[in-house]
Structure formats: C-alpha cells, structure tokens
Amino acid sequence: MSHLALIPVLESLPGWPDVVEPSVLDIGLITVGIPAAIAAVVTVLFMGPHWLKKSQGKELERA
C-alpha cells in the first residue's frame, strides 16, 4: 500500500475562497530567514559584552 494514498488531496472546499500558494521566497523566509535573524539577535545579546571587552583590550576574568 502506498503511503501517498493516505495524504488527502489539498484543495479548497467548495464555497471557500482559494488559498494563495506560497512561493519559494516565502518558504525560505519562514524556514531560514526568521530563525537566522533570531539567532543573530541572541548571539549579539550574549556575546556582545565579551566582544566589547575584547576590542577594548581589557583582561577577561576567568570564572
């Protein structure tokens, strides 16, 4: 038995408005762009103070 037969046909129901199909750019933005932007912000928040101290030439304290 094919597993593809278990996937329902993805069509709009009669009487419902047609669904806009996402483009490759939309899918890429959601799957790659937004997570990369969030990771960049988190990296700057946590590593920013370390990079600032290192660029000013101050000694870093070891814990």
N, C-alpha and C. Protein backbone atom coordinates (compact mmCIF):
# COMPACT_ATOMS: atom_id res chain seq x y z
N MET A 1 0.85 -1.19 0.00
CA MET A 1 0.00 0.00 0.00
C MET A 1 0.89 1.24 0.00
N SER A 2 0.57 2.16 -0.85
CA SER A 2 1.37 3.37 -0.96
C SER A 2 0.99 4.35 0.15
N HIS A 3 2.02 4.94 0.75
CA HIS A 3 1.75 5.92 1.80
C HIS A 3 1.22 7.22 1.22
N LEU A 4 1.48 7.47 -0.06
CA LEU A 4 0.97 8.69 -0.68
C LEU A 4 -0.54 8.67 -0.81
N ALA A 5 -1.13 7.49 -0.81
CA ALA A 5 -2.59 7.39 -0.90
C ALA A 5 -3.25 7.87 0.38
N LEU A 6 -2.50 7.90 1.48
CA LEU A 6 -3.07 8.32 2.76
C LEU A 6 -3.12 9.84 2.90
N ILE A 7 -2.38 10.57 2.05
CA ILE A 7 -2.36 12.02 2.11
C ILE A 7 -3.60 12.56 1.40
N PRO A 8 -4.40 13.36 2.09
CA PRO A 8 -5.59 13.88 1.43
C PRO A 8 -5.23 14.88 0.32
N VAL A 9 -6.12 15.00 -0.62
CA VAL A 9 -5.91 15.96 -1.70
C VAL A 9 -6.07 17.36 -1.12
N LEU A 10 -5.07 18.21 -1.35
CA LEU A 10 -5.08 19.55 -0.78
C LEU A 10 -5.76 20.51 -1.74
N GLU A 11 -7.05 20.63 -1.60
CA GLU A 11 -7.84 21.54 -2.42
C GLU A 11 -8.75 22.32 -1.50
N SER A 12 -9.16 23.49 -1.96
CA SER A 12 -10.10 24.29 -1.19
C SER A 12 -11.49 23.65 -1.27
N LEU A 13 -12.21 23.74 -0.19
CA LEU A 13 -13.57 23.21 -0.18
C LEU A 13 -14.47 24.08 -1.05
N PRO A 14 -15.52 23.49 -1.59
CA PRO A 14 -16.44 24.28 -2.41
C PRO A 14 -17.07 25.40 -1.58
N GLY A 15 -17.08 26.60 -2.13
CA GLY A 15 -17.65 27.75 -1.43
C GLY A 15 -16.64 28.53 -0.61
N TRP A 16 -15.46 27.98 -0.39
CA TRP A 16 -14.42 28.67 0.36
C TRP A 16 -13.53 29.44 -0.62
N PRO A 17 -12.90 30.54 -0.16
CA PRO A 17 -12.01 31.28 -1.06
C PRO A 17 -10.75 30.47 -1.37
N ASP A 18 -10.19 30.71 -2.56
CA ASP A 18 -8.97 29.99 -2.95
C ASP A 18 -7.80 30.40 -2.06
N VAL A 19 -6.94 29.44 -1.78
CA VAL A 19 -5.76 29.67 -0.94
C VAL A 19 -4.61 30.12 -1.84
N VAL A 20 -3.87 31.13 -1.38
CA VAL A 20 -2.71 31.60 -2.12
C VAL A 20 -1.55 30.64 -1.84
N GLU A 21 -0.93 30.11 -2.90
CA GLU A 21 0.18 29.19 -2.71
C GLU A 21 1.45 29.98 -2.44
N PRO A 22 2.22 29.60 -1.40
CA PRO A 22 3.44 30.33 -1.09
C PRO A 22 4.53 30.10 -2.14
N SER A 23 5.34 31.12 -2.35
CA SER A 23 6.45 30.98 -3.29
C SER A 23 7.67 30.41 -2.56
N VAL A 24 8.72 30.13 -3.31
CA VAL A 24 9.96 29.63 -2.72
C VAL A 24 10.55 30.68 -1.79
N LEU A 25 10.42 31.96 -2.15
CA LEU A 25 10.93 33.03 -1.30
C LEU A 25 10.19 33.08 0.04
N ASP A 26 8.87 32.89 0.01
CA ASP A 26 8.09 32.88 1.26
C ASP A 26 8.51 31.72 2.15
N ILE A 27 8.67 30.56 1.57
CA ILE A 27 9.05 29.38 2.35
C ILE A 27 10.46 29.56 2.92
N GLY A 28 11.37 30.10 2.10
CA GLY A 28 12.74 30.33 2.57
C GLY A 28 12.82 31.34 3.69
N LEU A 29 11.99 32.38 3.59
CA LEU A 29 11.97 33.39 4.65
C LEU A 29 11.52 32.79 5.97
N ILE A 30 10.51 31.95 5.92
CA ILE A 30 9.96 31.38 7.14
C ILE A 30 10.90 30.31 7.72
N THR A 31 11.50 29.49 6.86
CA THR A 31 12.30 28.39 7.39
C THR A 31 13.76 28.73 7.65
N VAL A 32 14.29 29.76 6.97
CA VAL A 32 15.70 30.11 7.14
C VAL A 32 15.88 31.53 7.64
N GLY A 33 15.21 32.47 7.03
CA GLY A 33 15.42 33.89 7.33
C GLY A 33 15.07 34.29 8.75
N ILE A 34 13.89 33.96 9.18
CA ILE A 34 13.44 34.37 10.52
C ILE A 34 14.26 33.68 11.62
N PRO A 35 14.50 32.35 11.57
CA PRO A 35 15.36 31.75 12.59
C PRO A 35 16.79 32.30 12.60
N ALA A 36 17.33 32.62 11.43
CA ALA A 36 18.68 33.20 11.38
C ALA A 36 18.70 34.58 12.01
N ALA A 37 17.66 35.37 11.79
CA ALA A 37 17.59 36.70 12.40
C ALA A 37 17.48 36.59 13.93
N ILE A 38 16.69 35.67 14.41
CA ILE A 38 16.54 35.47 15.86
C ILE A 38 17.87 35.00 16.45
N ALA A 39 18.55 34.08 15.78
CA ALA A 39 19.85 33.60 16.27
C ALA A 39 20.87 34.72 16.30
N ALA A 40 20.85 35.61 15.31
CA ALA A 40 21.78 36.73 15.29
C ALA A 40 21.54 37.68 16.46
N VAL A 41 20.28 37.95 16.76
CA VAL A 41 19.95 38.83 17.88
C VAL A 41 20.40 38.21 19.20
N VAL A 42 20.12 36.93 19.39
CA VAL A 42 20.51 36.26 20.64
C VAL A 42 22.03 36.22 20.76
N THR A 43 22.73 35.97 19.66
CA THR A 43 24.20 35.95 19.68
C THR A 43 24.76 37.30 20.08
N VAL A 44 24.22 38.36 19.53
CA VAL A 44 24.71 39.71 19.87
C VAL A 44 24.41 40.03 21.33
N LEU A 45 23.24 39.63 21.83
CA LEU A 45 22.90 39.92 23.23
C LEU A 45 23.85 39.21 24.20
N PHE A 46 24.20 37.96 23.90
CA PHE A 46 25.03 37.22 24.83
C PHE A 46 26.52 37.41 24.60
N MET A 47 26.94 37.55 23.36
CA MET A 47 28.37 37.67 23.06
C MET A 47 28.83 39.12 22.96
N GLY A 48 27.91 40.05 22.81
CA GLY A 48 28.25 41.46 22.66
C GLY A 48 29.14 42.01 23.76
N PRO A 49 28.81 41.80 25.04
CA PRO A 49 29.69 42.31 26.10
C PRO A 49 31.10 41.72 26.05
N HIS A 50 31.21 40.45 25.72
CA HIS A 50 32.53 39.81 25.60
C HIS A 50 33.32 40.44 24.46
N TRP A 51 32.68 40.63 23.31
CA TRP A 51 33.34 41.24 22.16
C TRP A 51 33.75 42.68 22.46
N LEU A 52 32.92 43.41 23.20
CA LEU A 52 33.24 44.79 23.55
C LEU A 52 34.47 44.85 24.45
N LYS A 53 34.51 44.01 25.48
CA LYS A 53 35.68 43.99 26.37
C LYS A 53 36.94 43.57 25.62
N LYS A 54 36.79 42.60 24.73
CA LYS A 54 37.95 42.12 23.98
C LYS A 54 38.47 43.20 23.03
N SER A 55 37.58 43.97 22.43
CA SER A 55 38.01 45.01 21.49
C SER A 55 38.65 46.19 22.21
N GLN A 56 38.31 46.40 23.49
CA GLN A 56 38.90 47.50 24.25
C GLN A 56 40.22 47.09 24.89
N GLY A 57 40.60 45.84 24.76
CA GLY A 57 41.88 45.38 25.28
C GLY A 57 41.88 45.08 26.77
N LYS A 58 40.73 45.01 27.38
CA LYS A 58 40.67 44.71 28.82
C LYS A 58 40.87 43.20 29.02
N GLU A 59 41.45 42.89 30.19
CA GLU A 59 41.63 41.49 30.53
C GLU A 59 40.28 40.87 30.88
N LEU A 60 40.06 39.68 30.41
CA LEU A 60 38.82 38.98 30.71
C LEU A 60 39.02 38.15 31.98
N GLU A 61 38.05 38.20 32.86
CA GLU A 61 38.12 37.45 34.09
C GLU A 61 37.69 36.00 33.82
N ARG A 62 38.43 35.09 34.39
CA ARG A 62 38.08 33.67 34.26
C ARG A 62 37.24 33.28 35.46
N ALA A 63 36.19 32.54 35.23
CA ALA A 63 35.31 32.12 36.31
C ALA A 63 35.82 30.88 36.98
